[in-house]
Amino acid sequence: MKRATILVLLLMMLTSQRGFAQKDTIEIIKEFSKVLEFSSQENLSYTSRIKLSASPIIQPTDTMTTTGIFYKQGDRLYTESGQEETFLQDGLLIQINNARKSIWISKTEGQLKEELEKQTVTKQMETLFRQKYNIARRNSGTLSTISFDTRPNENNQGTAQSKVSLQYDAKTLLPQSLSIDIKVSEEADAELKEALKAEGINVAGLIQTINGTEFFVRTQNMAVLFEGISTAAATAMKIPSWKTRLEYNETAGDYKGIGGYSDYEVIKLY
């Protein structure tokens, strides 16, 4: 899983509801940020399990479980998630899709690299969290859980409600799990019904009647379990290299797959 993804998802879930910050939330947000910063360490490796679920299910990808691998050694990165592998090494961004048997190669852009390495809550995000969410921290033995719940308003229909729960080791500040729940409801007018039907979606399965008014209501969840986190340099040295997948011809200036990747389509984007 790309490292910037978590913060991007959190920022996208913020709604326009009104609220007032509590004094004790500042410390909690700072600790939340410290936990997420674990992936910016010099040496790092871990595996992850990501489970997606939704109700009702609209398409097959709404529910799935994938495993992931992450390595970081200095400014060299490698991630594997499902059928995709990504290398950020030697000034190259190499994306491999094992399902399509394709390899895309581009030069590393400074902005992209910065986004992949950025894993901190900015002042702007801190303000938004405090305004839009009820924030709490629970301690249980060596584990702590920080949760963000959308603040209620007078009418929660026609809005997106969300809950984020981050469980971590209180001593090492390393994450154990992250859960993101989103509930979206929107008034089901005739125009929207027809648009959804045109896409082949079972409209009846989405409708709930609340106070005599029909709403489309849908919930989605993403749960991430972090396992085997290591910050040891010896472990980070095991990072896979793109050179085990590709061969570069300096004379021709092109690449070709090798070994099990020899029949992959290679697309050079620079």
Protein backbone atom coordinates (compact mmCIF):
# COMPACT_ATOMS: atom_id res chain seq x y z
CA MET A 1 0.00 0.00 0.00
CA LYS A 2 1.40 3.41 -0.94
CA ARG A 3 2.33 5.37 2.15
CA ALA A 4 0.57 8.60 1.26
CA THR A 5 -2.72 6.76 0.77
CA ILE A 6 -3.81 6.77 4.41
CA LEU A 7 -3.55 10.52 4.86
CA VAL A 8 -5.16 11.21 1.50
CA LEU A 9 -8.13 9.02 2.46
CA LEU A 10 -8.49 10.73 5.80
CA LEU A 11 -8.44 14.17 4.23
CA MET A 12 -11.03 13.19 1.62
CA MET A 13 -13.44 12.00 4.32
CA LEU A 14 -13.67 15.37 6.05
CA THR A 15 -17.15 16.85 5.77
CA SER A 16 -18.53 20.36 6.03
CA GLN A 17 -20.14 19.91 9.43
CA ARG A 18 -19.67 22.45 12.21
CA GLY A 19 -17.89 21.70 15.48
CA PHE A 20 -15.63 23.09 18.19
CA ALA A 21 -12.17 21.80 19.10
CA GLN A 22 -11.46 20.34 22.49
CA LYS A 23 -8.23 21.30 24.23
CA ASP A 24 -7.10 17.74 24.87
CA THR A 25 -7.36 16.75 21.19
CA ILE A 26 -4.13 18.53 20.22
CA GLU A 27 -1.96 16.01 22.07
CA ILE A 28 -3.91 13.09 20.60
CA ILE A 29 -3.56 14.39 17.03
CA LYS A 30 0.19 14.86 17.53
CA GLU A 31 0.51 11.26 18.72
CA PHE A 32 -1.62 10.09 15.78
CA SER A 33 0.82 11.89 13.48
CA LYS A 34 3.83 10.29 15.20
CA VAL A 35 2.39 6.81 14.67
CA LEU A 36 1.83 7.47 10.95
CA GLU A 37 5.37 8.81 10.64
CA PHE A 38 6.71 5.32 11.30
CA SER A 39 6.95 4.74 7.55
CA SER A 40 9.41 7.60 7.05
CA GLN A 41 12.17 5.85 9.00
CA GLU A 42 15.48 5.19 7.27
CA ASN A 43 15.02 1.41 7.29
CA LEU A 44 11.66 -0.29 7.40
CA SER A 45 9.88 -3.45 6.35
CA TYR A 46 6.49 -4.94 7.12
CA THR A 47 3.65 -6.97 5.68
CA SER A 48 0.01 -5.94 5.66
CA ARG A 49 -3.41 -7.44 5.16
CA ILE A 50 -6.06 -5.19 3.70
CA LYS A 51 -9.74 -6.10 3.81
CA LEU A 52 -12.38 -4.15 1.90
CA SER A 53 -16.11 -4.57 2.51
CA ALA A 54 -19.29 -2.73 1.61
CA SER A 55 -23.04 -2.92 2.16
CA PRO A 56 -24.76 -3.33 -0.15
CA ILE A 57 -22.22 -4.82 -2.56
CA ILE A 58 -22.45 -3.17 -5.98
CA GLN A 59 -19.45 -4.66 -7.76
CA PRO A 60 -17.02 -7.55 -7.04
CA THR A 61 -14.20 -5.21 -6.00
CA ASP A 62 -16.35 -3.89 -3.14
CA THR A 63 -15.30 -6.85 -1.05
CA MET A 64 -11.83 -8.38 -1.14
CA THR A 65 -8.81 -9.24 0.97
CA THR A 66 -5.27 -8.55 -0.24
CA THR A 67 -1.83 -8.90 1.28
CA GLY A 68 0.94 -6.37 0.94
CA ILE A 69 4.70 -6.09 1.41
CA PHE A 70 6.61 -2.88 2.08
CA TYR A 71 10.38 -2.20 2.14
CA LYS A 72 12.27 1.04 2.59
CA GLN A 73 16.04 1.34 2.58
CA GLY A 74 17.12 4.96 2.58
CA ASP A 75 15.50 6.49 -0.50
CA ARG A 76 14.80 3.09 -2.10
CA LEU A 77 11.24 1.77 -1.89
CA TYR A 78 9.43 -1.41 -2.84
CA THR A 79 5.74 -2.25 -2.39
CA GLU A 80 3.67 -5.22 -3.39
CA SER A 81 -0.11 -5.17 -3.11
CA GLY A 82 -2.23 -7.86 -4.67
CA GLN A 83 -1.17 -8.20 -8.31
CA GLU A 84 0.87 -4.99 -8.39
CA GLU A 85 4.51 -4.25 -7.58
CA THR A 86 6.11 -0.82 -7.38
CA PHE A 87 9.81 0.03 -7.32
CA LEU A 88 11.07 3.52 -6.52
CA GLN A 89 14.79 3.01 -7.02
CA ASP A 90 17.77 4.42 -8.92
CA GLY A 91 15.80 7.45 -10.13
CA LEU A 92 13.10 5.22 -11.65
CA LEU A 93 9.46 4.54 -10.89
CA ILE A 94 8.68 1.02 -12.08
CA GLN A 95 5.11 -0.28 -11.87
CA ILE A 96 4.44 -3.95 -12.57
CA ASN A 97 0.96 -5.35 -13.06
CA ASN A 98 1.21 -9.12 -12.83
CA ALA A 99 -2.43 -9.63 -13.88
CA ARG A 100 -1.98 -7.72 -17.16
CA LYS A 101 1.68 -8.76 -17.49
CA SER A 102 2.76 -5.19 -18.08
CA ILE A 103 5.64 -3.04 -16.79
CA TRP A 104 5.59 0.77 -16.89
CA ILE A 105 8.85 2.64 -16.41
CA SER A 106 9.18 6.37 -15.79
CA LYS A 107 11.69 8.73 -14.27
CA THR A 108 11.14 9.59 -10.62
CA GLU A 109 9.63 13.03 -10.27
CA GLY A 110 10.68 14.97 -7.18
CA GLN A 111 7.08 15.75 -6.30
CA LEU A 112 6.03 12.10 -6.48
CA LYS A 113 8.93 11.01 -4.32
CA GLU A 114 8.10 13.72 -1.78
CA GLU A 115 4.47 12.59 -1.61
CA LEU A 116 5.48 8.96 -1.08
CA GLU A 117 7.77 9.94 1.78
CA LYS A 118 5.46 12.49 3.40
CA GLN A 119 3.61 10.89 6.31
CA THR A 120 2.79 13.66 8.74
CA VAL A 121 -0.37 15.51 9.69
CA THR A 122 -0.07 19.09 8.51
CA LYS A 123 -1.37 22.09 10.45
CA GLN A 124 -4.24 22.37 7.99
CA MET A 125 -5.23 18.74 8.52
CA GLU A 126 -4.89 19.14 12.28
CA THR A 127 -7.35 22.04 12.21
CA LEU A 128 -9.79 20.10 10.03
CA PHE A 129 -9.63 17.05 12.31
CA ARG A 130 -10.36 19.17 15.36
CA GLN A 131 -13.26 20.97 13.71
CA LYS A 132 -14.96 18.03 12.05
CA TYR A 133 -14.38 15.07 14.36
CA ASN A 134 -14.87 13.93 17.92
CA ILE A 135 -11.42 12.63 18.87
CA ALA A 136 -10.67 10.15 21.63
CA ARG A 137 -7.90 7.87 22.87
CA ARG A 138 -8.33 4.62 24.80
CA ASN A 139 -5.57 2.67 26.54
CA SER A 140 -5.61 -1.06 27.16
CA GLY A 141 -2.39 -2.52 28.52
CA THR A 142 0.41 -1.81 26.07
CA LEU A 143 -2.00 -0.89 23.27
CA SER A 144 -3.68 2.44 22.59
CA THR A 145 -6.47 3.27 20.15
CA ILE A 146 -7.11 6.71 18.68
CA SER A 147 -10.50 7.23 17.06
CA PHE A 148 -12.00 10.00 14.93
CA ASP A 149 -15.81 10.15 14.64
CA THR A 150 -17.68 12.61 12.45
CA ARG A 151 -19.36 15.24 14.59
CA PRO A 152 -23.16 15.00 14.46
CA ASN A 153 -25.26 17.80 13.03
CA GLU A 154 -28.97 18.50 12.98
CA ASN A 155 -29.53 16.29 9.95
CA ASN A 156 -26.95 13.65 9.15
CA GLN A 157 -28.84 12.55 6.02
CA GLY A 158 -27.40 13.65 2.72
CA THR A 159 -23.90 13.62 4.19
CA ALA A 160 -20.86 11.41 4.52
CA GLN A 161 -20.15 10.10 8.01
CA SER A 162 -16.86 8.48 8.84
CA LYS A 163 -14.95 6.80 11.63
CA VAL A 164 -11.21 6.18 11.78
CA SER A 165 -9.62 3.90 14.38
CA LEU A 166 -5.86 3.50 14.73
CA GLN A 167 -4.51 0.89 17.15
CA TYR A 168 -0.81 1.01 18.04
CA ASP A 169 1.84 0.05 20.57
CA ALA A 170 1.92 2.88 23.12
CA LYS A 171 5.63 2.37 23.83
CA THR A 172 7.09 2.01 20.35
CA LEU A 173 4.39 4.04 18.55
CA LEU A 174 4.25 1.37 15.84
CA PRO A 175 0.80 0.71 14.31
CA GLN A 176 -1.08 -2.54 14.79
CA SER A 177 -4.18 -1.85 12.72
CA LEU A 178 -6.13 0.89 10.98
CA SER A 179 -9.86 0.84 10.26
CA ILE A 180 -11.75 3.38 8.14
CA ASP A 181 -15.57 3.28 7.99
CA ILE A 182 -17.59 5.52 5.67
CA LYS A 183 -21.38 5.85 5.52
CA VAL A 184 -22.81 7.89 2.66
CA SER A 185 -26.48 8.86 2.37
CA GLU A 186 -28.14 10.94 -0.31
CA GLU A 187 -31.77 11.69 -1.02
CA ALA A 188 -33.02 9.29 -3.69
CA ASP A 189 -34.65 11.55 -6.25
CA ALA A 190 -35.96 10.21 -9.57
CA GLU A 191 -33.04 11.54 -11.62
CA LEU A 192 -30.44 9.79 -9.44
CA LYS A 193 -32.45 6.56 -9.48
CA GLU A 194 -32.50 6.50 -13.28
CA ALA A 195 -28.78 7.29 -13.48
CA LEU A 196 -27.92 4.37 -11.18
CA LYS A 197 -30.26 2.01 -13.02
CA ALA A 198 -28.55 2.94 -16.29
CA GLU A 199 -25.28 1.70 -14.77
CA GLY A 200 -26.87 -1.64 -13.94
CA ILE A 201 -27.03 -1.00 -10.19
CA ASN A 202 -29.78 -2.58 -8.10
CA VAL A 203 -31.38 0.60 -6.77
CA ALA A 204 -33.74 -1.18 -4.38
CA GLY A 205 -30.82 -2.58 -2.39
CA LEU A 206 -29.53 0.95 -1.71
CA ILE A 207 -32.76 2.62 -0.57
CA GLN A 208 -33.76 3.25 3.03
CA THR A 209 -36.87 5.20 4.02
CA ILE A 210 -36.20 7.67 6.85
CA ASN A 211 -39.02 9.86 8.17
CA GLY A 212 -40.98 9.23 5.00
CA THR A 213 -38.12 10.21 2.67
CA GLU A 214 -36.12 7.75 0.56
CA PHE A 215 -32.33 7.86 0.81
CA PHE A 216 -29.56 5.95 -0.90
CA VAL A 217 -27.47 4.62 2.00
CA ARG A 218 -24.18 2.77 1.62
CA THR A 219 -21.39 1.80 4.01
CA GLN A 220 -17.80 0.94 3.18
CA ASN A 221 -14.93 -0.27 5.34
CA MET A 222 -11.19 -0.63 4.86
CA ALA A 223 -9.27 -2.51 7.55
CA VAL A 224 -5.47 -2.70 7.46
CA LEU A 225 -3.49 -5.04 9.71
CA PHE A 226 0.26 -4.34 10.04
CA GLU A 227 2.49 -7.33 10.80
CA GLY A 228 6.19 -8.01 11.27
CA ILE A 229 7.27 -4.37 11.40
CA SER A 230 11.07 -4.11 11.48
CA THR A 231 13.31 -1.05 11.50
CA ALA A 232 16.53 -3.10 11.37
CA ALA A 233 19.00 -2.25 8.62
CA ALA A 234 19.75 -5.94 8.06
CA THR A 235 16.09 -6.62 7.28
CA ALA A 236 15.75 -3.58 5.01
CA MET A 237 18.71 -4.86 2.97
CA LYS A 238 16.43 -7.65 1.74
CA ILE A 239 14.50 -5.12 -0.35
CA PRO A 240 13.75 -6.56 -3.82
CA SER A 241 15.54 -4.89 -6.72
CA TRP A 242 13.96 -4.03 -10.07
CA LYS A 243 17.03 -5.59 -11.68
CA THR A 244 15.64 -9.04 -10.79
CA ARG A 245 12.66 -8.25 -13.06
CA LEU A 246 14.24 -6.18 -15.83
CA GLU A 247 17.40 -5.94 -17.89
CA TYR A 248 18.56 -2.56 -19.20
CA ASN A 249 20.38 -2.29 -22.54
CA GLU A 250 22.58 0.81 -22.30
CA THR A 251 23.33 0.87 -26.04
CA ALA A 252 19.68 0.74 -27.14
CA GLY A 253 18.42 2.58 -24.06
CA ASP A 254 15.57 0.13 -23.52
CA TYR A 255 14.42 -2.52 -21.06
CA LYS A 256 13.19 -6.08 -21.32
CA GLY A 257 11.74 -8.44 -18.76
CA ILE A 258 13.82 -11.37 -17.53
CA GLY A 259 13.02 -14.70 -15.89
CA GLY A 260 9.34 -14.96 -15.07
CA TYR A 261 8.84 -11.46 -16.51
CA SER A 262 10.31 -12.17 -19.94
CA ASP A 263 6.89 -12.17 -21.66
CA TYR A 264 5.68 -8.94 -20.00
CA GLU A 265 4.90 -5.89 -22.12
CA VAL A 266 7.45 -3.20 -21.18
CA ILE A 267 6.43 0.42 -21.70
CA LYS A 268 9.06 3.13 -21.30
CA LEU A 269 7.42 6.44 -20.43
CA TYR A 270 10.41 8.75 -20.60
